[in-house]
Protein backbone atom coordinates (compact mmCIF):
# COMPACT_ATOMS: atom_id res chain seq x y z
CA MET A 1 103.30 198.12 90.98
CA GLN A 2 103.35 201.81 91.83
CA ARG A 3 103.19 201.06 95.56
CA MET A 4 106.07 198.57 95.21
CA ALA A 5 108.13 201.18 93.33
CA ASN A 6 107.46 203.71 96.07
CA ASN A 7 108.43 201.19 98.74
CA ASN A 8 111.67 200.44 96.89
CA SER A 9 112.36 204.16 96.68
CA VAL A 10 111.72 204.60 100.40
CA THR A 11 113.92 201.61 101.24
CA LYS A 12 116.71 202.99 99.07
CA THR A 13 116.39 206.43 100.67
CA GLN A 14 116.45 204.92 104.16
CA SER A 15 119.49 202.82 103.23
CA GLU A 16 121.33 205.86 101.92
CA SER A 17 120.35 207.81 105.02
CA ASN A 18 121.63 205.02 107.27
CA GLU A 19 124.92 204.91 105.37
CA VAL A 20 125.40 208.66 105.80
CA LYS A 21 124.47 208.38 109.49
CA LYS A 22 126.99 205.58 110.07
CA HIS A 23 129.71 207.52 108.27
CA GLN A 24 128.86 210.65 110.26
CA GLN A 25 129.17 208.69 113.49
CA ILE A 26 132.62 207.50 112.40
CA LEU A 27 133.70 211.04 111.52
CA THR A 28 132.32 212.40 114.80
CA MET A 29 134.33 209.79 116.66
CA ILE A 30 137.39 210.68 114.58
CA ALA A 31 137.00 214.35 115.52
CA LEU A 32 136.98 213.38 119.18
CA MET A 33 139.99 211.09 118.72
CA THR A 34 141.83 213.87 116.89
CA SER A 35 141.30 216.19 119.81
CA LYS A 36 142.53 213.51 122.19
CA LEU A 37 145.60 212.99 120.04
CA LEU A 38 146.29 216.73 120.18
CA GLY A 39 145.97 216.73 123.95
CA GLU A 40 142.80 218.83 124.15
CA ASN A 41 141.62 216.97 127.23
CA THR A 42 138.68 219.22 128.02
CA TYR A 43 137.25 218.68 124.55
CA ALA A 44 138.06 215.00 124.30
CA LYS A 45 137.03 213.79 127.75
CA SER A 46 134.01 215.90 128.65
CA SER A 47 130.89 213.75 128.47
CA ILE A 48 128.82 216.87 127.81
CA PHE A 49 130.87 217.88 124.77
CA SER A 50 131.00 214.27 123.51
CA GLU A 51 127.23 213.94 123.80
CA ARG A 52 126.75 217.25 122.04
CA MET A 53 128.94 216.11 119.16
CA ALA A 54 127.10 212.78 118.99
CA ARG A 55 123.81 214.66 118.65
CA GLY A 56 125.16 216.65 115.72
CA GLY A 57 126.19 219.78 117.59
CA GLN A 58 129.36 221.61 116.65
CA LEU A 59 131.96 222.58 119.20
CA PHE A 60 135.47 223.59 118.20
CA LEU A 61 136.63 225.48 121.28
CA ASP A 62 137.38 224.22 124.78
CA LYS A 63 134.94 226.73 126.31
CA PRO A 64 131.92 228.70 125.05
CA ILE A 65 132.56 232.05 123.38
CA GLU A 66 131.69 234.91 125.72
CA GLN A 67 128.72 237.14 125.01
CA SER A 68 129.80 240.40 123.41
CA MET A 69 128.29 243.68 124.46
CA SER A 70 125.06 244.86 122.91
CA LEU A 71 124.85 247.65 120.36
CA ALA A 72 123.15 249.84 122.98
CA GLU A 73 126.10 249.38 125.37
CA PHE A 74 128.52 249.95 122.50
CA LYS A 75 127.02 253.34 121.69
CA LEU A 76 127.40 254.61 125.26
CA SER A 77 131.19 254.96 125.20
CA LYS A 78 133.60 256.57 122.73
CA GLU A 79 136.49 254.59 124.27
CA VAL A 80 134.64 251.34 123.59
CA GLN A 81 134.00 252.45 120.01
CA MET A 82 137.64 253.43 119.55
CA GLY A 83 138.83 250.06 120.83
CA TYR A 84 136.46 248.33 118.43
CA LEU A 85 137.69 250.24 115.38
CA VAL A 86 141.34 249.68 116.34
CA ALA A 87 140.61 245.95 116.54
CA VAL A 88 138.98 245.99 113.10
CA ASP A 89 142.08 247.73 111.74
CA ASP A 90 144.29 245.02 113.28
CA LEU A 91 142.08 242.24 111.94
CA ARG A 92 142.94 243.18 108.37
CA SER A 93 146.14 241.15 108.58
CA VAL A 94 145.53 238.55 111.27
CA THR A 95 147.56 235.30 111.27
CA LEU A 96 146.26 231.82 112.10
CA ASP A 97 148.50 231.61 115.17
CA GLN A 98 147.04 234.92 116.32
CA VAL A 99 143.52 233.62 115.70
CA HIS A 100 144.19 230.75 118.10
CA TYR A 101 145.04 233.21 120.88
CA MET A 102 142.07 235.37 119.91
CA SER A 103 139.88 232.30 120.44
CA LEU A 104 141.35 231.82 123.93
CA TRP A 105 140.70 235.46 124.75
CA ALA A 106 137.16 235.27 123.34
CA THR A 107 136.42 232.27 125.57
CA GLY A 108 137.43 234.04 128.77
CA GLN A 109 141.19 233.61 129.13
CA ASN A 110 142.30 237.16 129.89
CA ASP A 111 145.89 236.87 131.12
CA ASP A 112 148.41 239.30 129.64
CA THR A 113 150.35 236.66 127.67
CA ILE A 114 147.27 235.54 125.77
CA VAL A 115 146.03 239.10 125.17
CA SER A 116 149.44 240.16 123.84
CA ARG A 117 149.49 237.22 121.38
CA ALA A 118 145.87 237.83 120.37
CA ALA A 119 146.00 241.60 119.83
CA GLY A 120 147.46 243.22 116.74
CA ASN A 121 150.10 245.91 116.34
CA ALA A 122 147.78 248.88 116.83
CA PHE A 123 146.40 247.61 120.15
CA SER A 124 149.25 248.71 122.44
CA VAL A 125 149.75 252.01 120.62
CA TYR A 126 146.14 253.16 121.01
CA LEU A 127 145.77 251.58 124.44
CA ALA A 128 148.54 253.84 125.75
CA GLN A 129 146.63 256.89 124.46
CA SER A 130 143.27 255.83 125.91
CA THR A 131 141.66 257.78 128.75
CA ASP A 132 139.76 254.68 129.90
CA GLN A 133 141.79 251.59 129.12
CA LYS A 134 139.21 249.15 130.50
CA LYS A 135 136.52 250.42 128.13
CA PHE A 136 139.01 250.48 125.24
CA VAL A 137 139.93 246.84 125.87
CA ASN A 138 136.24 245.89 126.11
CA GLY A 139 135.59 247.51 122.75
CA TYR A 140 138.61 245.78 121.19
CA LYS A 141 137.56 242.44 122.65
CA THR A 142 134.02 242.88 121.32
CA ALA A 143 135.35 242.88 117.77
CA VAL A 144 137.55 239.88 118.57
CA ILE A 145 134.55 237.95 119.93
CA GLN A 146 132.47 238.73 116.85
CA PHE A 147 135.38 237.66 114.63
CA ILE A 148 135.88 234.36 116.46
CA ARG A 149 132.15 233.65 116.51
CA ALA A 150 132.12 234.06 112.71
CA ILE A 151 134.95 231.54 112.32
CA ALA A 152 134.54 229.04 115.18
CA GLY A 153 131.05 229.68 116.53
CA GLU A 154 128.27 227.12 116.27
CA ASN A 155 127.11 228.60 112.97
CA GLY A 156 130.53 229.73 111.82
CA VAL A 157 132.82 228.85 108.94
CA VAL A 158 134.38 225.81 110.60
CA ALA A 159 130.93 224.48 111.54
CA LYS A 160 129.79 224.78 107.93
CA ILE A 161 132.81 222.89 106.59
CA THR A 162 132.61 220.22 109.29
CA SER A 163 128.91 219.69 108.67
CA ALA A 164 129.54 219.27 104.95
CA PHE A 165 132.20 216.60 105.59
CA GLN A 166 130.09 214.79 108.19
CA LYS A 167 127.19 214.54 105.74
CA LEU A 168 129.29 212.69 103.16
CA SER A 169 128.51 209.05 102.55
CA PHE A 170 131.44 206.67 102.16
CA ALA A 171 130.88 206.70 98.40
CA ASP A 172 131.09 210.51 98.50
CA ALA A 173 134.34 210.29 100.47
CA GLU A 174 135.77 207.85 97.90
CA LYS A 175 134.95 210.23 95.08
CA LEU A 176 136.41 213.14 97.04
CA ALA A 177 139.69 211.29 97.63
CA ASN A 178 139.93 210.24 93.97
CA ASP A 179 139.15 213.69 92.57
CA TRP A 180 141.25 215.61 95.09
CA PHE A 181 144.31 213.42 94.61
CA GLY A 182 143.90 213.63 90.84
CA SER A 183 143.80 217.41 91.08
CA VAL A 184 147.06 217.60 93.06
CA ASN A 185 148.83 214.96 90.99
CA GLY A 186 147.86 216.96 87.92
CA TYR A 187 150.82 219.22 88.67
CA MET A 188 152.93 217.00 90.96
CA ARG A 189 152.89 214.03 88.51
CA GLY A 190 154.62 211.72 90.94
CA ALA A 191 157.24 214.24 92.08
CA SER A 192 158.48 214.02 95.65
CA PRO A 193 156.85 216.48 98.10
CA PHE A 194 160.27 216.50 99.79
CA ARG A 195 161.80 217.97 96.65
CA LYS A 196 163.38 221.41 97.01
CA ILE A 197 162.31 223.96 94.41
CA THR A 198 165.47 225.49 92.95
CA ASP A 199 164.26 227.23 89.81
CA GLY A 200 160.66 228.00 88.99
CA THR A 201 161.31 229.58 85.59
CA ASP A 202 163.84 227.50 83.64
CA ASP A 203 163.39 223.99 85.05
CA PRO A 204 160.17 222.68 83.44
CA VAL A 205 159.36 220.34 86.36
CA ASP A 206 159.90 223.07 88.96
CA GLU A 207 157.97 225.52 86.82
CA ARG A 208 154.96 223.20 86.57
CA ILE A 209 154.95 222.45 90.29
CA VAL A 210 155.38 226.11 91.27
CA GLN A 211 152.46 227.13 89.06
CA GLY A 212 150.36 224.32 90.52
CA LEU A 213 151.19 225.32 94.09
CA PHE A 214 150.34 228.98 93.47
CA ASP A 215 147.07 227.85 91.90
CA GLU A 216 146.50 225.70 95.01
CA ILE A 217 147.01 228.73 97.23
CA ASN A 218 144.85 231.07 95.17
CA ASN A 219 142.18 228.67 93.89
CA GLY A 220 142.62 225.32 95.60
CA TYR A 221 140.45 222.22 95.54
CA LEU A 222 138.04 223.28 98.28
CA THR A 223 137.73 226.69 96.61
CA THR A 224 136.92 225.48 93.11
CA HIS A 225 135.07 222.17 93.43
CA SER A 226 131.38 221.76 94.18
CA PHE A 227 130.66 220.00 97.41
CA GLY A 228 127.75 218.29 99.16
CA ASP A 229 124.06 219.10 98.88
CA ASP A 230 124.62 222.75 97.96
CA GLN A 231 126.91 221.84 95.06
CA MET A 232 128.98 224.89 95.99
CA PRO A 233 132.66 225.19 96.91
CA LEU A 234 133.26 225.18 100.67
CA LEU A 235 135.76 228.03 100.51
CA GLY A 236 136.32 231.21 98.56
CA ASN A 237 132.79 232.60 98.39
CA TYR A 238 132.18 233.46 102.04
CA ILE A 239 130.19 236.61 102.93
CA TYR A 240 129.83 237.51 106.61
CA SER A 241 126.38 238.64 107.69
CA GLY A 242 126.61 238.66 111.50
CA ASP A 243 127.05 241.44 114.05
CA ASP A 244 129.15 244.35 112.87
CA PHE A 245 129.30 247.65 114.77
CA SER A 246 131.79 249.29 112.41
CA ASP A 247 129.35 251.90 111.12
CA GLN A 248 127.64 252.46 114.49
CA THR A 249 130.25 254.83 115.94
CA ASP A 250 129.98 258.57 116.50
CA LEU A 251 133.68 259.39 116.89
CA PRO A 252 135.25 262.64 115.66
CA ALA A 253 137.14 262.23 112.39
CA MET A 254 140.40 263.29 114.06
CA MET A 255 140.24 260.18 116.30
CA THR A 256 139.92 257.71 113.41
CA GLN A 257 141.83 259.38 110.56
CA SER A 258 144.89 257.16 111.05
CA LEU A 259 142.81 253.97 110.90
CA THR A 260 141.99 252.11 107.71
CA ASP A 261 138.46 252.59 106.43
CA ILE A 262 137.40 248.95 106.68
CA SER A 263 134.49 247.21 108.37
CA LEU A 264 134.58 244.11 110.54
CA SER A 265 132.62 242.27 107.84
CA GLU A 266 135.26 243.12 105.27
CA ALA A 267 138.06 242.03 107.63
CA ILE A 268 136.35 238.68 108.27
CA ASN A 269 135.73 238.12 104.56
CA LEU A 270 139.39 238.92 103.82
CA PHE A 271 140.57 236.37 106.37
CA VAL A 272 138.19 233.55 105.46
CA ASN A 273 138.52 233.92 101.69
CA GLY A 274 142.24 234.69 101.98
CA ARG A 275 144.59 233.35 104.64
CA PHE A 276 142.26 230.70 106.08
CA SER A 277 141.30 229.26 102.67
CA GLU A 278 144.88 229.40 101.35
CA VAL A 279 146.36 227.51 104.29
CA LEU A 280 143.60 224.90 104.56
CA ASP A 281 143.61 224.17 100.82
CA LEU A 282 147.40 224.03 100.49
CA LEU A 283 148.13 221.87 103.53
CA CYS A 284 145.17 219.51 103.10
CA SER A 285 146.00 219.03 99.41
CA LEU A 286 149.70 218.37 100.02
CA GLY A 287 148.81 216.29 103.08
CA LEU A 288 146.74 213.92 100.92
CA TYR A 289 149.40 213.73 98.21
CA THR A 290 152.20 213.14 100.74
CA PHE A 291 150.24 210.41 102.52
CA VAL A 292 149.89 208.49 99.25
CA TYR A 293 153.42 209.24 98.03
CA GLN A 294 155.15 208.36 101.29
CA PHE A 295 153.06 205.57 102.78
CA VAL A 296 150.85 204.03 100.09
CA ASN A 297 153.52 202.67 97.77
CA ALA A 298 155.25 199.41 96.91
CA GLY A 299 158.34 200.38 98.89
CA GLN A 300 156.29 200.51 102.09
CA ALA A 301 156.64 196.83 102.96
CA ASP A 302 154.78 197.29 106.25
CA LEU A 303 151.63 198.44 104.40
CA VAL A 304 150.49 194.86 103.83
CA GLY A 305 150.40 194.36 107.60
CA MET A 306 148.58 197.64 108.27
CA PRO A 307 144.93 196.47 108.03
CA VAL A 308 143.32 196.11 111.43
CA THR A 309 140.79 193.48 110.33
CA THR A 310 140.65 190.43 108.06
CA ALA A 311 137.01 191.09 107.15
CA THR A 312 136.04 191.30 103.49
CA ASP A 313 132.66 192.95 104.01
CA MET A 314 133.01 196.61 103.03
CA GLN A 315 130.75 198.00 105.77
CA GLN A 316 132.53 196.02 108.46
CA VAL A 317 135.94 197.17 107.20
CA ILE A 318 134.76 200.80 107.17
CA LYS A 319 133.53 200.54 110.76
CA ILE A 320 136.62 198.78 112.17
CA THR A 321 139.17 200.84 110.24
CA GLY A 322 137.40 204.08 111.10
CA SER A 323 137.43 203.21 114.78
CA GLN A 324 141.21 202.72 114.73
CA LEU A 325 142.33 205.53 112.44
CA THR A 326 144.25 207.34 115.16
CA ASP A 327 146.33 204.24 115.89
CA ILE A 328 146.94 203.71 112.17
CA PHE A 329 148.09 207.32 111.73
CA GLU A 330 150.41 206.96 114.72
CA ARG A 331 151.85 203.78 113.21
CA PHE A 332 152.60 205.68 110.00
CA SER A 333 154.09 208.50 112.13
CA LEU A 334 151.95 211.08 110.33
CA PRO A 335 152.52 214.69 111.41
CA VAL A 336 150.23 215.40 114.36
CA THR A 337 149.80 219.14 113.75
CA LEU A 338 149.50 221.39 110.71
CA ALA A 339 152.74 223.11 111.74
CA GLU A 340 154.54 219.75 111.68
CA LEU A 341 153.03 218.96 108.29
CA ALA A 342 154.18 222.29 106.85
CA ALA A 343 157.68 221.83 108.32
CA ASP A 344 157.92 218.42 106.61
CA LEU A 345 157.24 219.82 103.11
CA PRO A 346 160.26 221.46 101.40
CA ILE A 347 158.17 221.57 98.21
CA ILE A 348 156.16 224.52 99.56
CA ASP A 349 159.23 226.71 100.03
CA LEU A 350 158.76 228.85 96.92
CA SER A 351 161.37 231.48 97.83
CA ASN A 352 163.53 230.20 94.94
CA ALA A 353 160.65 230.05 92.50
CA GLY A 354 162.17 232.78 90.34
CA THR A 355 159.00 234.87 90.43
CA ALA A 356 159.21 236.09 94.01
CA ARG A 357 159.13 239.84 94.56
CA ASN A 358 159.52 239.17 98.26
CA ALA A 359 161.14 235.75 98.55
CA SER A 360 160.75 235.39 102.32
CA GLN A 361 156.98 235.73 102.07
CA GLN A 362 156.87 232.83 99.60
CA ASN A 363 158.68 230.44 101.92
CA PHE A 364 155.43 228.77 102.92
CA GLN A 365 157.27 225.90 104.57
CA GLN A 366 158.63 228.36 107.13
CA ASN A 367 155.71 230.76 107.25
CA LEU A 368 153.15 228.04 107.98
CA SER A 369 155.25 226.14 110.51
CA VAL A 370 156.80 228.81 112.77
CA VAL A 371 155.57 232.16 114.09
CA MET A 372 157.00 235.14 112.20
CA ASP A 373 157.79 238.56 113.67
CA ASN A 374 156.88 241.98 112.25
CA SER A 375 160.01 241.91 110.07
CA HIS A 376 158.87 238.63 108.59
CA GLN A 377 161.64 236.70 110.31
CA PRO A 378 161.11 233.66 112.55
CA PHE A 379 160.15 234.80 116.04
CA ILE A 380 162.76 233.66 118.57
CA ASN A 381 161.59 233.13 122.15
CA ASP A 382 163.58 233.80 125.34
CA ARG A 383 165.13 230.32 125.09
CA GLY A 384 166.50 231.08 121.65
CA GLU A 385 164.00 228.79 119.90
CA THR A 386 161.52 229.29 117.12
CA THR A 387 157.85 228.99 118.07
CA PRO A 388 155.63 226.54 116.14
CA VAL A 389 152.40 228.01 114.77
CA ASN A 390 149.49 226.94 116.97
CA TYR A 391 146.52 226.36 114.68
CA GLY A 392 144.20 225.71 117.61
CA PHE A 393 140.67 224.73 116.63
CA VAL A 394 141.69 224.40 112.97
CA GLU A 395 143.59 221.23 113.91
CA ALA A 396 140.38 219.31 114.64
CA LEU A 397 138.96 220.45 111.28
CA HIS A 398 142.11 219.28 109.50
CA GLY A 399 141.90 215.97 111.38
CA LEU A 400 138.36 215.46 110.11
CA ILE A 401 139.31 216.31 106.51
CA GLN A 402 142.38 214.05 106.70
CA ALA A 403 140.30 211.19 108.07
CA THR A 404 137.72 211.68 105.34
CA TYR A 405 140.15 211.31 102.46
CA CYS A 406 142.42 208.72 104.10
CA LEU A 407 139.68 206.32 105.19
CA PRO A 408 138.65 205.28 101.63
CA ILE A 409 142.30 204.64 100.77
CA LEU A 410 142.82 202.40 103.80
CA VAL A 411 139.49 200.63 103.32
CA GLN A 412 140.15 199.90 99.63
CA TYR A 413 143.58 198.48 100.45
CA THR A 414 142.21 196.42 103.34
CA VAL A 415 139.28 194.92 101.41
CA THR A 416 141.48 193.98 98.44
CA ARG A 417 144.19 192.48 100.64
CA ASN A 418 141.66 190.52 102.66
CA GLN A 419 139.93 189.15 99.57
CA LEU A 420 143.30 187.86 98.37
CA LEU A 421 144.05 186.33 101.77
CA ALA A 422 140.68 184.55 101.60
CA GLN A 423 141.67 183.13 98.20
CA ILE A 424 144.99 181.96 99.62
CA GLN A 425 143.29 180.38 102.61
CA ALA A 426 140.85 178.54 100.31
CA GLY A 427 143.73 177.21 98.19
CA ASP A 428 142.63 179.20 95.14
CA TYR A 429 145.75 181.36 95.07
CA THR A 430 148.94 179.32 95.44
CA GLU A 431 151.30 180.63 92.75
CA PRO A 432 152.48 184.16 91.85
CA ARG A 433 150.26 185.85 89.27
CA ASN A 434 152.96 188.19 88.02
CA VAL A 435 150.90 191.24 89.00
CA ALA A 436 152.25 194.45 87.47
CA PRO A 437 153.54 197.16 89.85
CA ALA A 438 151.09 199.94 90.70
CA ASP A 439 151.69 203.44 89.34
CA PHE A 440 149.35 206.28 90.30
CA ASN A 441 150.41 208.23 87.19
CA ILE A 442 148.98 205.43 85.05
CA ALA A 443 146.01 204.26 87.12
CA SER A 444 142.64 205.72 86.16
CA SER A 445 141.92 206.73 89.75
CA LEU A 446 143.47 206.69 93.21
CA GLY A 447 141.14 203.84 94.18
CA ASP A 448 142.31 201.73 91.23
CA TYR A 449 145.93 202.47 92.15
CA VAL A 450 145.38 201.36 95.75
CA GLU A 451 143.66 198.14 94.63
CA GLN A 452 146.49 197.36 92.20
CA LEU A 453 149.06 198.11 94.90
CA ALA A 454 147.43 195.63 97.29
CA ARG A 455 147.37 192.98 94.56
CA PHE A 456 151.02 193.61 93.72
CA GLN A 457 152.23 193.53 97.32
CA VAL A 458 150.40 190.32 98.18
CA ASP A 459 151.66 188.69 94.97
CA GLN A 460 155.23 189.53 95.97
CA LEU A 461 154.73 187.43 99.12
CA MET A 462 153.61 184.24 97.36
CA PRO A 463 157.08 182.61 97.69
CA ILE A 464 156.32 182.46 101.43
CA VAL A 465 153.17 180.42 100.72
CA LYS A 466 155.13 178.02 98.50
CA ARG A 467 157.93 177.64 101.05
CA GLY A 468 155.40 176.84 103.76
CA LYS A 469 153.79 174.10 101.64
CA ASP A 470 157.16 172.61 100.70
CA ASP A 471 158.35 172.63 104.32
CA TYR A 472 155.14 171.02 105.57
CA ASP A 473 155.27 168.34 102.85
CA GLY A 474 158.86 167.67 103.91
CA LEU A 475 157.87 167.56 107.61
CA ASN A 476 160.22 170.45 108.23
CA GLN A 477 157.89 173.39 108.83
CA SER A 478 158.68 176.22 111.27
CA GLY A 479 156.57 175.52 114.33
CA SER A 480 156.62 178.95 115.93
CA LEU A 481 156.90 182.60 115.01
CA SER A 482 160.43 182.77 116.40
CA ALA A 483 161.46 179.79 114.28
CA PHE A 484 159.87 181.44 111.24
CA ASN A 485 161.72 184.69 112.01
CA HIS A 486 164.96 182.71 111.93
CA LEU A 487 163.97 181.17 108.59
CA MET A 488 163.33 184.64 107.16
CA ARG A 489 166.84 185.65 108.16
CA VAL A 490 168.83 182.64 106.95
CA ALA A 491 167.01 181.25 103.89
CA PRO A 492 168.11 183.19 100.75
CA GLN A 493 164.73 182.65 99.03
CA MET A 494 162.88 184.03 102.05
CA ARG A 495 165.32 186.84 102.70
CA ALA A 496 164.84 187.98 99.08
CA VAL A 497 161.11 188.49 99.73
CA ASN A 498 161.87 191.23 102.24
CA PRO A 499 165.49 191.96 103.17
CA LYS A 500 164.24 194.28 105.93
CA TYR A 501 161.96 191.72 107.52
CA ALA A 502 163.69 192.02 110.90
CA GLU A 503 162.66 195.68 111.06
CA MET A 504 158.98 194.96 110.44
CA PRO A 505 156.50 195.34 113.31
CA LYS A 506 155.07 192.19 114.86
CA GLN A 507 151.73 192.59 113.08
CA THR A 508 153.44 192.33 109.68
CA LYS A 509 155.62 189.41 110.81
CA LYS A 510 152.49 187.57 111.94
CA LEU A 511 150.95 188.12 108.50
CA TYR A 512 154.03 186.61 106.84
CA TYR A 513 153.81 183.62 109.18
CA TRP A 514 150.09 183.31 108.44
CA LEU A 515 150.96 183.08 104.73
CA TYR A 516 153.59 180.46 105.51
CA GLN A 517 151.01 178.36 107.39
CA SER A 518 148.14 178.97 104.95
CA SER A 519 148.44 175.71 103.02
CA PHE A 520 148.49 173.50 106.12
CA ALA A 521 146.79 175.58 108.85
CA SER A 522 143.71 173.36 108.83
CA GLU A 523 145.89 170.32 109.54
CA ILE A 524 147.61 171.60 112.67
CA ALA A 525 146.27 172.27 116.15
CA ALA A 526 144.38 175.52 116.63
CA ALA A 527 146.87 176.57 119.31
CA ASP A 528 149.69 176.36 116.75
CA ARG A 529 147.96 178.55 114.13
CA VAL A 530 148.93 182.19 114.00
CA GLN A 531 146.00 184.58 114.49
CA LEU A 532 145.81 187.89 112.60
């Protein structure tokens, strides 16, 4: 008996391991597809990088980060040391757009345009005073390389977060989506993310949302919830322990007195636990909420035609849906970049919140979507246009997180819809069941809401099934999709099912026609049956 128990335990462990491995493969593929969608051709198409990802390696930059100079080399030159300390001073207030250009510089792209976007305000001032500008730049770049390695290197912050998401089983991802959505809806409570905040002190709805958004920025979901094997939050508790030459200089005090007394380690910790965590938590949280609010609702008539498989087996649905997530996201017209997502969310403009000491700095919709100048105004280029924030390697991380919480939603909807279609096909579901509308403010979880939504939407289409049976019994059935399309336009009963049927994509129209044929499909020639 003991041996049998052990064997069962081993089998269960192997099964769980296989599930995690399959899910990791899906997420790895999604990361590659995300890069392709963003146009990062080097990353997406290189067989070397693809193989490295498939083997569990982490690569977030198009090229390897350059080797920084050694401590021995660093100590040989005061100009190198000065450049390094100036960089550390600049890194106190680095932006995510700037970090993207720093990553390009750190991977060997040295043209003046990139360096000027990567370097901070103090760079040009001290460079002009340097007696050996080449050594000064090398010192400055050394700090930049160490900074980027901490964030985007193979053992950096992004690698840690990505690894944690890739290790999730599908059940873990389901729980994550349920808990995360519940956390955001705790303050949104069904409010539109396209709502404009007008008063954060006297309007109780605005006040609740504003408080929730500030909590999201300061202590968001990824900062406060335990995650993965470590049962620790992924963000908010980072402590850098890599290379730091800040205290290895021997410069006269007069050369450094105008610089802030801060180390590279402190600058990295400030960025990761501050700006990086704030932006990732806020945009991922609102991204999840907006996806559900905008696309996973009863008013989205095309949702019922979204599934890319008619399978009812959960593992098969996970595999097929995961492999086509990019196409599904494109069909929903989801924002491709974080800057586009931020620009689409008026709710995060908190400049009218009533608590702003500096209103412009609380307009997160603007600040996270376009590059700001030193006066905290939108930077205008030589063509008179604003410049979108380029989040660079963070985009692939966001794509992975988005895929992780969206996949369970799409899978749950697909499995429920397909089970109902199987009942219809078998003749077990022929009349409306008067299914109640879904409401995510009432449902016990996001998963329950999605299941109820699928049931409600399919039930709303049952008049099509009845009409098909009646027409076939009367020898008057529509014999082609085009004939059925005409029926949907002219028959009042059919038009009432979906007044916007003509605007639906072909995949959804084919589903409607499949429902129409469902009661007599087995009695007509295979060539005449619509295929989903």
